Amino acid sequence: MSDSNERTVRAATTMMIITLVGKILGLVREMLLASNYGSGMEAIAFQTASRIPRVFFDAIFASAISASFIPIFNESLEKKGKKSAFDFSNKFITIIFLVTAVLTIVGMLFGSQFTDLFAKELDPATKSLATKLLYVMFPTVVFTGIAYSFVGILQSFEEFTIPAALSIVSNGIIIIYYLFFNDSMGIYGLAAAFLIGWAMQAVMQVPSLHKKGYRYRPSFKFREDDSIKKVLILMLPVMVGTWVQPINITINTRFASDLYNGAGISAIDYANNLYTIIVGVVVLSVANVIFPRLSRMTANDENGSVFDTVIMTVRILSYLIIPMTAGVMALSEPVISIVYQRGAFTAFDVSITSRALFFFSLGMFGYGMQTIISRAFYAEQNGRIPFIAGIVSIIVNVVLCGLLVDRMEVAGLALASAISSTVYGLALYVPLRKRFKDRDTNHFAGSIIKMIFCAAVMTAVIVPMRNALWDAGSGLMIKIAVIAVLVIVGMAVYIIMSRIIRLYEAQAAFDFVKNILGRKRNGTEE
């Protein structure tokens, strides 16, 4: 394996570890929300209010920054040098600040209308509280826009540690609030802690940016920079392509607001947050590392290498995600019980949230595909195909939500999201594969079938064990130990089965580990 690939793998591994810590803190944050507020009026209002600025940012600015800014910044860096890239960054961040500031003002002026749009079926008292909380939290859009821009610069210089640690800081601030201030300041103080946590994501990156030689200086000379024009041209189709996840979850919660007197919103929110924590540790860590690399390859006209990198990444991720999907489905209720069932979170809440998690999990494979493959199109500044795939996915989700909500309730909404996510991933894979049909993929479809078979064997082993062990004790530590045993056994069974049937991805993973260990031994001996 080349030094470049080894650096990429080490960076991805480091990001996974740091991201895992951040996700665990995010899980603790959700546990504390569930424990203190359950699925009552304050929890529903807070979840609704916090979702609105996140959706606006994810739908509009996350796409512009992660999918438009990074490839064009890398192109400028490769072809024009650091000074030109930094000048472009100053203009871009100035635009982001101005637009997010205007959006924040609009969001606060029309807070009640936005609350009604996102959760129409809520009772008047809950809507009123959600609107008041929204006034406090909407400025997170400004801080997050700046933070994402800084992340793009640092990742382009292969600095991944600080960007990966952002969620550790924001989640840590909210957890501290729960532990020391929640009893005295309540839900409004929680909204303020939410705002402070997101503001710190921008502040903490400044020292690292200074080390790279970057200083932000406002610049309004937008018309003089061709790179800004490229971003604006690319932005619209890219925006729709990256709208899928936030818009689909908004659609799901809109339907869920009419279930269980509004508790359906909390079920969808808790389950989706846990789902993204589980799958995001692996997928987002890898995506964030390879995206700048793909952008540099595209800038240097290495399109074949882009395809090879994307396909191999998807294959290795599939090897990890497919057993993860089976495991989460098999353990959805025990996991929800351990994570959330305490304080105000009741057995009924466990039931509906675990059903949602079970069906959300079916979308993990599609989530992995869409996250990685979309980066290939964005790296070559092609937003048209993700645009079309995104529109199709959103339509599928809306139709399925309408068909399934009455039959399956919250489970139907989660299933609709999972199917639409898979449709999105496949809609990106097919045109990419067609463009590079002459390049060898070594029977990718056959490998997926083998992975599913291995995961099925794994499930057949751990489900009877779950049934036998789950009631062995009632203590939290005993329950956690049972889950740990089931996870370890499941992993062992899956790895053994994949080796027995000579799965290509398993062999590639083992060869890589053996290669790294061999190089370390040689280095030590020398």
Foldseek 3Di string as FASTA:
>chain_A
DDPVVVLLVVQLVLLLVLLLLLLVLVLVLLQLLCQVPNLDLLSLLQLLLQLLLVLVLLLAQLLLQLLQLQLLLLLCCVPPNDVLSLVVLLAVLLVQLVVLVVVLVVCLVCLLVSSCVLQVLADPVSSVSSSVLNNLQSSLSNLLNLLSSLLSVCLLVVNNNLLSNLSVQLSVQLVVCSVPPCVPPNSSVSSNSNSVSSNVSNVVSVVVCVVVVHDHDHDNPQVVDVSSVLSVVLRPLSSLLSSQVSVLLSLLLRLLCPPPNRSLNVLSVSLVSNLCSQLVSNQVSSLSNCLSVLSNCLSVVVLVVSLVVLLLQLLLSLLVLLLVLLLCLLCLLLVLCLSHPHRNHHPVSSVSNSLLNNQLSLQSSLQSLSSRLVSNCSSNSHSNQSSVLSVQLSVQLNVQCVVPCVPPNSNSNSNSSSVSSNSSSVSSVVVSCVVPVVDDSPPSVVLSVQLNVLSVVLSVVLNVLCVVQCVVDDDSVSSVVSSVVSVVSSVVSSLVSCVVVVRVSSVVVVVVVVVVVVVVVVVVVD
